[in-house]
Amino acid sequence: MSSRTRHTRGSRLAAAAGAATAATLLAAVLSPAAHADPRPDRTTAVHHAASALAGHAGALGLTSAEHTAVRDVIVDKDGTQHVRYDRTYDRLPVLGGDFVVHLAPDGAYRGADRATRGTIALATTTPALAAPKAADLAERALRGAHSGTRFQQVKARPSLVVDALHGSPRLAWRTVAAGLDSLGNPAARTVLTDARTGAQIDAWDSIETATGDGKSLYSGTVALETTQSGSSYQLKDPTRGNTYTGDAENKTDLCIFGICFQRAPATLFTDADNHWGTGTTADRASAAVDAQYGTNETWDYYKNVHGRTGIAGDGKGSYNRVHYGTNYNNAFWDDSCFCMTYGDGDGTTFGPLVALDVAGHEMSHGVTSKTAALTYSGESGGLNEATSDILGTLVEWYAANPADPGDYLIGEEIVRSGFGGTALRYMDKPSRDGNSADCWSSSVGNLDVHYSSGVANHFAYLLAEGSGAKTVNGVSYNSPTCNSSTVTGIGHDKLGKIWYRALTVYMTSSTNYAAARTATLNAAKDLYGSGSAEYNAVAAAWSAVSVN
């Protein structure tokens, strides 16, 4: 998940003694217990290294502002141990902060190798250069490094680091800029920028040999990290916990009352040239591109925005099944297989259900199950659904894909004319779908969870964008309030941070709307302070949907 030999009486005792000795020697050779490996294991090595760090912090340049994390452990045949560390300063990754502690077989400290030897001390970790400016500089650097290339799409993601590799330690933006040229081929460049002056410190190309691209159904041509296997490529991402996408071959699971006796397959997609799909349903790989891309963006959103690596927070990837069933109008997350499943739709009501916000929605159910585990009924069930709507929407905003820009509509890409609307749900005014609740009442918990979720979706929109009429990313919204108040939004980024902290720190399986108000207020207080504009906006937005 023997043999026995007959002896005379005079030789019997001697023979028995000799046999016992031979048996003992043989056992010593063959028995693992009698000849156990004397080397310390990984856990012991890490324990020894932790003791060494405590006793030699000064020699290693460690201060109270720094924290360390084990990256790798090697134990030699003679028991000598080498434990490699990364470090952070004021919670920021330190480039050049890594070091290796060397230990004797008994755990005694022998010394260390450090990437840089200087002590890290910064006056502030607040940048003078804004993140959008760092992103702009990195995009220019990418275009400059590929002069003559006409990019059809470029995206840059900056993150703050402490640079201890290039002279005296300083605050810097590490920005990965990626783009697709006119043929759909990817290019990427990592740019290190001084967060105080904006000067470029360093830059390097980031594309790996196993980076491919795919033509999706809904998100245009996207870059994909794949795994090379012989002369072909697998749609498996080694940089995101080996998340992969497989073909369900239009089969279904055999399940009764939630117990599955047989699962539809997930036959791993492979490709000869690492260029996947055609952007049409005629190629089965096109839907797989959308699913894999959705997984990637969801992984990156949780990791880069919330510091969560993987759905379960354990660094392990999930997997996707596309082409499930026949004309199947659904997509779902299943904890039991830790997987996402997508139907192709019937072509009249829905197209293939592999849109980006659908992927983010369904995988966020996995995050909820590993954190608050909101019970899927009553008001807590509505909050469970709303959590997936909210965080799935924020995945779409995070991706910033021009083919599917961020909005407050759920599933707008998959809806067809036969559905009778333009989206599955509308966060600015949930009742637009004909069933969802805009405002809380004592009867909300009696609704289907997909409709009781409207109260939290309405709250989330008001907290991000505020009340009244406005156009965002080309989409028109008009969000009313239930108490005739006017609400001023604080932006979707802050909404995401507040909701995620409330979900992972304060909500429980039985959280209802009143408790969700308290949880998000606590989260806002933790992040921005009691009485802050953000704290007051959370209170106002809940009151605006009648949750007081």
Protein backbone atom coordinates (compact mmCIF):
# COMPACT_ATOMS: atom_id res chain seq x y z
CA MET A 1 0.00 0.00 0.00
CA SER A 2 16.84 -25.87 6.12
CA SER A 3 18.29 -28.96 6.13
CA ARG A 4 19.21 -31.39 8.83
CA THR A 5 22.32 -33.64 9.09
CA ARG A 6 22.50 -36.81 11.23
CA HIS A 7 25.49 -36.95 13.66
CA THR A 8 26.84 -39.42 16.23
CA ARG A 9 26.25 -38.67 19.93
CA GLY A 10 29.89 -37.64 20.49
CA SER A 11 29.85 -35.02 17.75
CA ARG A 12 26.27 -33.86 18.22
CA LEU A 13 26.93 -31.03 20.75
CA ALA A 14 29.92 -29.74 18.79
CA ALA A 15 28.00 -29.91 15.58
CA ALA A 16 25.07 -28.10 17.18
CA ALA A 17 27.38 -25.40 18.48
CA GLY A 18 28.96 -25.06 15.06
CA ALA A 19 25.54 -24.91 13.38
CA ALA A 20 24.41 -22.24 15.84
CA THR A 21 27.50 -20.16 15.12
CA ALA A 22 27.01 -20.53 11.38
CA ALA A 23 23.35 -19.62 11.70
CA THR A 24 24.25 -16.54 13.71
CA LEU A 25 26.80 -15.44 11.14
CA LEU A 26 24.37 -16.11 8.31
CA ALA A 27 21.66 -14.09 10.07
CA ALA A 28 24.08 -11.22 10.56
CA VAL A 29 24.69 -11.15 6.83
CA LEU A 30 21.11 -11.59 5.66
CA SER A 31 18.97 -9.92 8.32
CA PRO A 32 18.29 -6.16 7.80
CA ALA A 33 17.67 -5.78 11.52
CA ALA A 34 21.01 -7.34 12.39
CA HIS A 35 22.89 -5.29 9.76
CA ALA A 36 20.95 -2.03 9.70
CA ASP A 37 22.31 0.93 7.72
CA PRO A 38 24.14 3.08 10.31
CA ARG A 39 23.61 6.26 8.34
CA PRO A 40 21.24 8.90 9.73
CA ASP A 41 18.08 9.43 7.70
CA ARG A 42 16.73 12.71 6.34
CA THR A 43 14.76 13.52 9.49
CA THR A 44 17.80 12.99 11.69
CA ALA A 45 19.98 15.09 9.40
CA VAL A 46 17.48 17.96 9.48
CA HIS A 47 17.34 17.71 13.28
CA HIS A 48 21.15 17.84 13.49
CA ALA A 49 21.24 20.81 11.13
CA ALA A 50 18.64 22.70 13.16
CA SER A 51 20.83 22.31 16.23
CA ALA A 52 23.82 23.53 14.23
CA LEU A 53 21.90 26.60 13.07
CA ALA A 54 20.96 27.47 16.62
CA GLY A 55 24.57 27.22 17.75
CA HIS A 56 26.20 28.92 14.77
CA ALA A 57 23.66 31.54 13.68
CA GLY A 58 26.24 34.33 13.92
CA ALA A 59 28.74 32.52 11.73
CA LEU A 60 26.00 31.92 9.15
CA GLY A 61 24.90 35.56 9.18
CA LEU A 62 21.42 34.73 10.47
CA THR A 63 19.47 37.37 12.38
CA SER A 64 16.05 37.49 14.03
CA ALA A 65 14.59 38.98 10.82
CA GLU A 66 15.47 35.85 8.86
CA HIS A 67 13.93 32.42 8.58
CA THR A 68 15.24 29.30 6.90
CA ALA A 69 13.67 26.42 5.00
CA VAL A 70 15.28 23.11 4.05
CA ARG A 71 15.59 22.69 0.30
CA ASP A 72 17.60 19.47 0.03
CA VAL A 73 19.34 16.82 2.16
CA ILE A 74 22.21 14.53 1.17
CA VAL A 75 23.61 11.83 3.45
CA ASP A 76 26.91 10.25 2.36
CA LYS A 77 27.67 6.55 2.74
CA ASP A 78 29.80 7.27 5.82
CA GLY A 79 26.96 9.22 7.46
CA THR A 80 28.26 12.71 6.72
CA GLN A 81 25.30 15.02 6.25
CA HIS A 82 24.77 18.05 3.99
CA VAL A 83 21.62 20.08 4.52
CA ARG A 84 20.85 22.85 2.03
CA TYR A 85 18.78 25.85 3.10
CA ASP A 86 16.98 28.76 1.52
CA ARG A 87 16.31 31.82 3.62
CA THR A 88 13.87 34.69 3.79
CA TYR A 89 14.31 38.18 5.19
CA ASP A 90 11.17 39.75 6.59
CA ARG A 91 9.31 36.95 4.71
CA LEU A 92 10.88 37.87 1.35
CA PRO A 93 12.99 35.29 -0.55
CA VAL A 94 16.70 36.11 -0.44
CA LEU A 95 18.55 35.62 -3.70
CA GLY A 96 21.98 34.47 -2.59
CA GLY A 97 20.73 33.64 0.86
CA ASP A 98 21.11 29.89 0.37
CA PHE A 99 23.73 27.88 2.21
CA VAL A 100 24.71 24.27 2.92
CA VAL A 101 25.46 23.05 6.44
CA HIS A 102 27.96 20.18 6.68
CA LEU A 103 27.75 17.76 9.59
CA ALA A 104 29.79 14.81 10.83
CA PRO A 105 28.14 11.37 11.06
CA ASP A 106 27.34 12.05 14.71
CA GLY A 107 25.74 15.41 13.83
CA ALA A 108 28.66 17.61 14.89
CA TYR A 109 28.93 20.88 12.95
CA ARG A 110 31.79 20.90 10.45
CA GLY A 111 31.12 24.13 8.60
CA ALA A 112 28.98 25.66 5.88
CA ASP A 113 29.10 26.92 2.33
CA ARG A 114 27.20 30.16 1.74
CA ALA A 115 26.17 31.72 -1.56
CA THR A 116 27.04 35.13 -0.12
CA ARG A 117 28.76 35.94 3.14
CA GLY A 118 27.44 39.43 3.92
CA THR A 119 24.96 40.19 6.69
CA ILE A 120 21.50 41.15 5.44
CA ALA A 121 20.05 44.37 6.82
CA LEU A 122 17.59 46.59 4.94
CA ALA A 123 16.21 49.92 6.07
CA THR A 124 12.80 49.00 4.64
CA THR A 125 11.06 46.29 2.65
CA THR A 126 8.60 48.76 1.13
CA PRO A 127 9.47 49.41 -2.53
CA ALA A 128 9.71 52.89 -3.99
CA LEU A 129 9.08 51.40 -7.44
CA ALA A 130 5.50 50.15 -7.89
CA ALA A 131 4.84 46.61 -9.11
CA PRO A 132 3.15 47.72 -12.37
CA LYS A 133 6.24 49.77 -13.24
CA ALA A 134 8.49 46.79 -12.58
CA ALA A 135 6.25 44.69 -14.83
CA ASP A 136 6.46 47.34 -17.56
CA LEU A 137 10.26 47.42 -17.36
CA ALA A 138 10.41 43.63 -17.59
CA GLU A 139 8.14 43.58 -20.64
CA ARG A 140 10.44 46.11 -22.30
CA ALA A 141 13.43 43.94 -21.42
CA LEU A 142 11.78 40.91 -23.00
CA ARG A 143 11.03 42.82 -26.20
CA GLY A 144 14.54 44.26 -26.22
CA ALA A 145 16.13 40.85 -25.85
CA HIS A 146 14.03 39.58 -28.77
CA SER A 147 14.22 42.60 -31.03
CA GLY A 148 12.60 41.93 -34.36
CA THR A 149 10.05 39.58 -32.79
CA ARG A 150 6.47 40.74 -32.91
CA PHE A 151 4.68 39.48 -29.81
CA GLN A 152 0.95 38.89 -29.94
CA GLN A 153 0.71 38.60 -26.16
CA VAL A 154 3.03 39.57 -23.29
CA LYS A 155 2.45 39.21 -19.56
CA ALA A 156 4.73 40.03 -16.62
CA ARG A 157 4.50 39.02 -12.96
CA PRO A 158 6.69 40.83 -10.41
CA SER A 159 7.47 39.59 -6.91
CA LEU A 160 9.54 41.27 -4.20
CA VAL A 161 12.84 39.67 -3.19
CA VAL A 162 16.02 40.62 -1.38
CA ASP A 163 18.95 40.54 -3.78
CA ALA A 164 22.13 39.48 -2.02
CA LEU A 165 23.83 38.21 -5.17
CA HIS A 166 24.83 41.50 -6.74
CA GLY A 167 26.79 43.47 -4.16
CA SER A 168 25.25 44.82 -0.97
CA PRO A 169 21.83 43.35 -0.17
CA ARG A 170 18.93 45.42 -1.53
CA LEU A 171 15.22 45.19 -2.15
CA ALA A 172 14.41 44.12 -5.70
CA TRP A 173 11.61 43.07 -8.01
CA ARG A 174 12.07 39.68 -9.66
CA THR A 175 9.77 39.74 -12.66
CA VAL A 176 9.11 36.97 -15.14
CA ALA A 177 7.95 38.40 -18.48
CA ALA A 178 6.53 35.91 -20.97
CA GLY A 179 5.13 36.31 -24.46
CA LEU A 180 3.99 34.50 -27.57
CA ASP A 181 5.27 35.47 -30.97
CA SER A 182 3.17 35.61 -34.15
CA LEU A 183 3.58 31.84 -34.61
CA GLY A 184 2.55 31.07 -31.07
CA ASN A 185 6.07 30.21 -29.90
CA PRO A 186 6.79 31.21 -26.29
CA ALA A 187 9.61 33.36 -24.95
CA ALA A 188 10.30 34.33 -21.36
CA ARG A 189 12.82 36.47 -19.50
CA THR A 190 13.43 36.97 -15.81
CA VAL A 191 14.36 40.54 -14.94
CA LEU A 192 15.81 41.69 -11.62
CA THR A 193 15.09 45.37 -10.93
CA ASP A 194 16.22 47.61 -8.06
CA ALA A 195 13.00 48.30 -6.14
CA ARG A 196 14.28 51.71 -5.08
CA THR A 197 15.77 53.18 -8.28
CA GLY A 198 14.23 51.06 -11.05
CA ALA A 199 17.65 50.18 -12.42
CA GLN A 200 17.99 46.76 -14.00
CA ILE A 201 20.27 44.55 -11.92
CA ASP A 202 20.27 41.41 -14.05
CA ALA A 203 18.19 39.52 -16.61
CA TRP A 204 18.16 36.05 -18.09
CA ASP A 205 16.06 33.91 -20.40
CA SER A 206 13.65 31.60 -18.60
CA ILE A 207 12.30 29.21 -21.22
CA GLU A 208 13.03 25.52 -20.58
CA THR A 209 13.47 23.00 -23.36
CA ALA A 210 10.21 21.30 -22.36
CA THR A 211 8.08 24.40 -22.66
CA GLY A 212 5.40 24.05 -25.30
CA ASP A 213 2.30 25.92 -26.30
CA GLY A 214 -1.30 25.09 -26.93
CA LYS A 215 -4.22 26.52 -28.88
CA SER A 216 -7.12 26.55 -26.45
CA LEU A 217 -10.86 26.85 -27.01
CA TYR A 218 -11.34 29.94 -24.83
CA SER A 219 -7.99 31.48 -23.84
CA GLY A 220 -6.11 31.77 -27.11
CA THR A 221 -2.61 30.37 -27.49
CA VAL A 222 -1.00 29.74 -24.12
CA ALA A 223 2.37 28.55 -22.88
CA LEU A 224 2.48 25.09 -21.28
CA GLU A 225 5.14 23.37 -19.20
CA THR A 226 5.31 19.75 -20.33
CA THR A 227 7.39 16.63 -19.72
CA GLN A 228 9.58 15.18 -22.43
CA SER A 229 9.39 11.42 -22.71
CA GLY A 230 11.64 9.98 -25.38
CA SER A 231 10.80 11.62 -28.68
CA SER A 232 7.38 12.88 -27.55
CA TYR A 233 5.92 15.14 -24.87
CA GLN A 234 3.40 14.51 -22.11
CA LEU A 235 0.82 17.07 -20.95
CA LYS A 236 2.27 16.86 -17.43
CA ASP A 237 3.72 19.90 -15.65
CA PRO A 238 6.81 19.08 -13.54
CA THR A 239 6.93 22.67 -12.24
CA ARG A 240 3.47 22.42 -10.68
CA GLY A 241 3.53 19.14 -8.79
CA ASN A 242 3.27 16.99 -11.96
CA THR A 243 -0.29 18.14 -12.62
CA TYR A 244 -1.48 16.43 -15.79
CA THR A 245 -4.43 16.21 -18.14
CA GLY A 246 -5.92 13.02 -19.54
CA ASP A 247 -8.68 11.96 -21.93
CA ALA A 248 -11.72 10.36 -20.26
CA GLU A 249 -12.59 8.94 -23.69
CA ASN A 250 -16.26 9.93 -23.24
CA LYS A 251 -16.68 7.33 -20.52
CA THR A 252 -18.23 7.90 -17.08
CA ASP A 253 -17.59 6.74 -13.54
CA LEU A 254 -19.56 3.87 -12.05
CA CYS A 255 -20.66 5.37 -8.75
CA ILE A 256 -23.56 4.70 -6.35
CA PHE A 257 -24.34 7.19 -3.58
CA GLY A 258 -20.89 8.72 -3.92
CA ILE A 259 -19.00 5.41 -3.82
CA CYS A 260 -17.11 4.80 -7.06
CA PHE A 261 -16.45 1.24 -8.15
CA GLN A 262 -14.86 2.18 -11.44
CA ARG A 263 -13.54 5.48 -12.72
CA ALA A 264 -13.46 6.77 -16.24
CA PRO A 265 -9.88 6.73 -17.54
CA ALA A 266 -7.51 9.63 -17.67
CA THR A 267 -5.33 8.63 -20.59
CA LEU A 268 -2.42 11.06 -20.54
CA PHE A 269 -2.29 13.34 -23.58
CA THR A 270 0.95 13.16 -25.59
CA ASP A 271 2.22 15.16 -28.56
CA ALA A 272 5.11 14.83 -30.99
CA ASP A 273 6.15 18.49 -31.39
CA ASN A 274 4.98 20.10 -28.10
CA HIS A 275 2.42 22.25 -29.93
CA TRP A 276 -0.96 21.17 -28.63
CA GLY A 277 -4.47 21.54 -30.04
CA THR A 278 -5.92 23.58 -32.88
CA GLY A 279 -8.26 25.84 -30.92
CA THR A 280 -11.28 23.87 -32.16
CA THR A 281 -13.28 20.95 -30.80
CA ALA A 282 -12.21 18.88 -33.82
CA ASP A 283 -8.92 18.27 -32.01
CA ARG A 284 -9.42 16.53 -28.65
CA ALA A 285 -6.26 18.16 -27.34
CA SER A 286 -7.79 21.65 -27.55
CA ALA A 287 -10.00 21.10 -24.49
CA ALA A 288 -7.02 19.55 -22.75
CA VAL A 289 -5.07 22.77 -23.35
CA ASP A 290 -7.80 24.78 -21.60
CA ALA A 291 -7.91 22.36 -18.67
CA GLN A 292 -4.14 22.31 -18.20
CA TYR A 293 -3.94 26.09 -18.56
CA GLY A 294 -6.72 26.52 -16.00
CA THR A 295 -4.84 24.28 -13.59
CA ASN A 296 -1.64 26.26 -14.13
CA GLU A 297 -3.24 29.64 -13.52
CA THR A 298 -5.08 28.37 -10.44
CA TRP A 299 -1.84 26.90 -9.04
CA ASP A 300 0.02 30.16 -9.71
CA TYR A 301 -2.72 32.31 -8.21
CA TYR A 302 -2.74 30.43 -4.92
CA LYS A 303 1.05 30.21 -4.76
CA ASN A 304 1.97 33.73 -5.81
CA VAL A 305 -0.90 35.60 -4.15
CA HIS A 306 -1.56 33.50 -1.05
CA GLY A 307 1.63 31.48 -0.60
CA ARG A 308 -0.23 28.19 -1.01
CA THR A 309 1.60 25.58 -3.10
CA GLY A 310 -0.95 23.22 -4.61
CA ILE A 311 -4.61 22.69 -3.83
CA ALA A 312 -3.84 20.85 -0.60
CA GLY A 313 -0.91 23.13 0.21
CA ASP A 314 1.48 20.17 0.05
CA GLY A 315 3.12 20.86 -3.31
CA LYS A 316 1.40 17.93 -4.99
CA GLY A 317 -0.45 18.36 -8.25
CA SER A 318 -3.94 17.18 -9.12
CA TYR A 319 -5.08 15.90 -12.49
CA ASN A 320 -7.74 16.72 -15.09
CA ARG A 321 -10.07 14.53 -17.11
CA VAL A 322 -11.59 16.07 -20.23
CA HIS A 323 -14.19 14.62 -22.63
CA TYR A 324 -16.11 13.00 -19.77
CA GLY A 325 -19.37 11.31 -20.76
CA THR A 326 -21.48 12.22 -23.78
CA ASN A 327 -22.86 15.76 -24.08
CA TYR A 328 -22.22 16.10 -20.36
CA ASN A 329 -23.26 19.58 -19.14
CA ASN A 330 -21.13 19.75 -16.02
CA ALA A 331 -17.68 19.99 -14.49
CA PHE A 332 -16.76 18.92 -10.98
CA TRP A 333 -13.99 18.53 -8.44
CA ASP A 334 -13.74 15.19 -6.62
CA ASP A 335 -11.75 14.99 -3.38
CA SER A 336 -11.62 11.20 -3.52
CA CYS A 337 -9.49 11.22 -6.68
CA PHE A 338 -8.07 14.72 -6.13
CA CYS A 339 -9.05 15.49 -9.69
CA MET A 340 -11.02 17.79 -11.96
CA THR A 341 -13.49 16.44 -14.51
CA TYR A 342 -14.93 18.33 -17.49
CA GLY A 343 -17.82 17.45 -19.78
CA ASP A 344 -18.02 18.55 -23.40
CA GLY A 345 -21.45 20.16 -23.05
CA ASP A 346 -24.34 19.46 -25.37
CA GLY A 347 -23.40 22.23 -27.80
CA THR A 348 -26.79 23.92 -27.35
CA THR A 349 -26.86 24.90 -23.70
CA PHE A 350 -23.11 24.71 -23.01
CA GLY A 351 -19.92 24.19 -24.91
CA PRO A 352 -17.00 22.26 -23.36
CA LEU A 353 -16.89 23.30 -19.71
CA VAL A 354 -13.13 23.96 -19.60
CA ALA A 355 -13.22 27.77 -19.27
CA LEU A 356 -10.68 29.41 -16.97
CA ASP A 357 -13.09 30.62 -14.27
CA VAL A 358 -14.80 27.21 -14.24
CA ALA A 359 -11.43 25.56 -13.63
CA GLY A 360 -10.60 28.03 -10.87
CA HIS A 361 -14.05 27.54 -9.36
CA GLU A 362 -13.90 23.76 -9.23
CA MET A 363 -10.34 23.51 -7.94
CA SER A 364 -11.17 26.06 -5.23
CA HIS A 365 -13.64 23.49 -3.89
CA GLY A 366 -10.52 21.42 -3.22
CA VAL A 367 -8.96 24.31 -1.29
CA THR A 368 -12.13 24.70 0.77
CA SER A 369 -12.19 20.98 1.58
CA LYS A 370 -8.62 21.18 2.87
CA THR A 371 -9.27 24.29 4.98
CA ALA A 372 -12.68 25.37 6.33
CA ALA A 373 -14.47 22.31 4.88
CA LEU A 374 -17.72 24.28 4.68
CA THR A 375 -20.63 21.85 4.87
CA TYR A 376 -22.36 21.65 1.50
CA SER A 377 -25.86 22.53 2.69
CA GLY A 378 -27.71 25.46 4.23
CA GLU A 379 -25.90 28.78 4.53
CA SER A 380 -22.51 27.11 4.83
CA GLY A 381 -23.18 25.38 1.50
CA GLY A 382 -23.94 28.73 -0.11
CA LEU A 383 -20.67 30.06 1.29
CA ASN A 384 -18.88 26.99 -0.10
CA GLU A 385 -20.22 27.70 -3.59
CA ALA A 386 -19.58 31.42 -3.26
CA THR A 387 -15.99 30.75 -2.20
CA SER A 388 -15.42 28.93 -5.47
CA ASP A 389 -17.17 31.67 -7.46
CA ILE A 390 -15.12 34.37 -5.75
CA LEU A 391 -11.73 32.67 -5.94
CA GLY A 392 -12.39 31.28 -9.43
CA THR A 393 -13.17 34.83 -10.56
CA LEU A 394 -9.94 36.04 -8.98
CA VAL A 395 -7.99 33.35 -10.83
CA GLU A 396 -9.39 34.82 -14.05
CA TRP A 397 -8.37 38.34 -12.97
CA TYR A 398 -4.93 37.06 -12.00
CA ALA A 399 -4.36 35.38 -15.37
CA ALA A 400 -4.98 38.69 -17.18
CA ASN A 401 -5.51 36.82 -20.45
CA PRO A 402 -6.64 39.20 -23.20
CA ALA A 403 -8.68 36.40 -24.82
CA ASP A 404 -10.63 35.95 -21.56
CA PRO A 405 -10.18 39.10 -19.45
CA GLY A 406 -11.21 39.32 -15.82
CA ASP A 407 -14.89 39.95 -15.06
CA TYR A 408 -17.57 39.27 -12.45
CA LEU A 409 -19.51 36.82 -14.60
CA ILE A 410 -19.31 33.08 -13.94
CA GLY A 411 -18.99 30.72 -16.91
CA GLU A 412 -19.69 33.29 -19.60
CA GLU A 413 -17.36 31.52 -22.05
CA ILE A 414 -19.19 28.20 -21.97
CA VAL A 415 -22.76 29.49 -22.26
CA ARG A 416 -24.51 29.02 -25.61
CA SER A 417 -27.64 30.73 -26.97
CA GLY A 418 -29.86 27.88 -25.81
CA PHE A 419 -29.11 28.65 -22.15
CA GLY A 420 -31.23 31.80 -22.11
CA GLY A 421 -28.61 34.06 -20.56
CA THR A 422 -25.05 35.29 -21.04
CA ALA A 423 -23.48 33.63 -17.96
CA LEU A 424 -24.16 31.03 -15.29
CA ARG A 425 -24.10 33.63 -12.50
CA TYR A 426 -23.77 37.40 -12.12
CA MET A 427 -21.92 38.67 -9.07
CA ASP A 428 -23.04 42.31 -9.31
CA LYS A 429 -26.72 41.35 -9.14
CA PRO A 430 -27.07 37.59 -8.58
CA SER A 431 -30.85 37.61 -9.12
CA ARG A 432 -30.21 38.21 -12.82
CA ASP A 433 -29.99 34.43 -13.21
CA GLY A 434 -33.63 34.15 -12.10
CA ASN A 435 -32.96 32.17 -8.92
CA SER A 436 -30.11 33.53 -6.81
CA ALA A 437 -30.55 35.76 -3.78
CA ASP A 438 -29.23 39.32 -3.76
CA CYS A 439 -29.88 39.87 -0.05
CA TRP A 440 -29.80 37.74 3.07
CA SER A 441 -33.03 36.65 4.75
CA SER A 442 -33.86 33.90 7.22
CA SER A 443 -34.99 31.70 4.33
CA VAL A 444 -31.74 31.90 2.32
CA GLY A 445 -30.44 28.68 3.85
CA ASN A 446 -33.39 26.80 2.33
CA LEU A 447 -32.27 27.58 -1.22
CA ASP A 448 -30.08 25.37 -3.39
CA VAL A 449 -26.47 26.19 -2.52
CA HIS A 450 -25.88 27.54 -6.04
CA TYR A 451 -28.53 30.18 -5.34
CA SER A 452 -27.91 30.93 -1.66
CA SER A 453 -24.35 31.70 -2.76
CA GLY A 454 -25.71 34.89 -4.33
CA VAL A 455 -25.55 36.79 -1.03
CA ALA A 456 -21.78 36.25 -0.68
CA ASN A 457 -21.16 36.83 -4.40
CA HIS A 458 -23.04 40.15 -4.14
CA PHE A 459 -20.97 41.06 -1.07
CA ALA A 460 -17.76 40.21 -2.91
CA TYR A 461 -18.64 42.35 -5.92
CA LEU A 462 -19.59 45.31 -3.72
CA LEU A 463 -16.38 44.97 -1.69
CA ALA A 464 -14.27 44.89 -4.85
CA GLU A 465 -16.04 47.40 -7.09
CA GLY A 466 -18.66 49.23 -5.02
CA SER A 467 -22.31 49.90 -5.74
CA GLY A 468 -24.04 51.53 -8.70
CA ALA A 469 -23.44 51.45 -12.43
CA LYS A 470 -19.99 51.11 -13.94
CA THR A 471 -18.08 49.45 -16.76
CA VAL A 472 -15.09 47.25 -15.92
CA ASN A 473 -12.94 45.62 -18.61
CA GLY A 474 -15.65 46.40 -21.16
CA VAL A 475 -18.45 44.74 -19.16
CA SER A 476 -21.33 46.82 -17.79
CA TYR A 477 -22.46 46.27 -14.20
CA ASN A 478 -25.09 47.84 -12.01
CA SER A 479 -24.99 46.62 -8.44
CA PRO A 480 -27.74 47.72 -6.06
CA THR A 481 -27.62 47.51 -2.26
CA CYS A 482 -30.29 46.01 -0.03
CA ASN A 483 -30.23 48.92 2.44
CA SER A 484 -30.09 51.74 -0.16
CA SER A 485 -26.53 52.59 0.93
CA THR A 486 -23.61 53.55 -1.28
CA VAL A 487 -20.58 51.27 -1.05
CA THR A 488 -17.07 52.17 -2.21
CA GLY A 489 -14.97 49.22 -3.40
CA ILE A 490 -11.41 48.41 -2.38
CA GLY A 491 -10.42 46.35 -5.45
CA HIS A 492 -10.45 42.65 -6.26
CA ASP A 493 -6.91 42.03 -4.97
CA LYS A 494 -7.84 43.04 -1.42
CA LEU A 495 -11.10 41.12 -1.70
CA GLY A 496 -9.09 37.98 -2.47
CA LYS A 497 -6.67 38.44 0.40
CA ILE A 498 -9.46 39.06 2.91
CA TRP A 499 -11.62 36.16 1.73
CA TYR A 500 -8.73 33.69 1.59
CA ARG A 501 -7.56 34.55 5.11
CA ALA A 502 -11.11 34.32 6.43
CA LEU A 503 -11.52 30.91 4.75
CA THR A 504 -8.24 29.44 5.95
CA VAL A 505 -7.99 30.99 9.42
CA TYR A 506 -11.46 31.76 10.76
CA MET A 507 -14.20 29.84 8.92
CA THR A 508 -15.25 26.35 9.99
CA SER A 509 -17.52 23.68 8.58
CA SER A 510 -20.61 25.31 10.12
CA THR A 511 -19.94 28.95 9.26
CA ASN A 512 -23.12 30.79 8.29
CA TYR A 513 -23.52 34.29 6.87
CA ALA A 514 -23.38 36.03 10.25
CA ALA A 515 -20.19 34.14 11.10
CA ALA A 516 -18.77 34.90 7.63
CA ARG A 517 -19.18 38.61 8.39
CA THR A 518 -17.20 38.13 11.61
CA ALA A 519 -14.56 36.00 9.84
CA THR A 520 -13.94 38.53 7.08
CA LEU A 521 -13.85 41.42 9.57
CA ASN A 522 -11.24 39.52 11.58
CA ALA A 523 -9.28 38.88 8.39
CA ALA A 524 -9.47 42.57 7.41
CA LYS A 525 -8.32 43.54 10.91
CA ASP A 526 -5.35 41.16 10.66
CA LEU A 527 -4.36 42.43 7.23
CA TYR A 528 -5.15 46.14 7.38
CA GLY A 529 -6.01 47.02 10.97
CA SER A 530 -9.21 47.56 12.92
CA GLY A 531 -10.97 50.70 11.78
CA SER A 532 -9.01 50.79 8.50
CA ALA A 533 -10.73 51.72 5.24
CA GLU A 534 -10.65 48.04 4.27
CA TYR A 535 -12.17 46.94 7.57
CA ASN A 536 -14.95 49.51 7.27
CA ALA A 537 -15.57 48.52 3.64
CA VAL A 538 -16.07 44.87 4.67
CA ALA A 539 -18.63 45.94 7.27
CA ALA A 540 -20.41 48.22 4.80
CA ALA A 541 -20.54 45.57 2.06
CA TRP A 542 -22.06 42.97 4.39
CA SER A 543 -24.63 45.46 5.64
CA ALA A 544 -25.43 46.26 2.00
CA VAL A 545 -26.55 42.63 1.51
CA SER A 546 -28.46 42.60 4.83
CA VAL A 547 -25.89 40.64 6.83
CA ASN A 548 -25.45 42.61 10.07
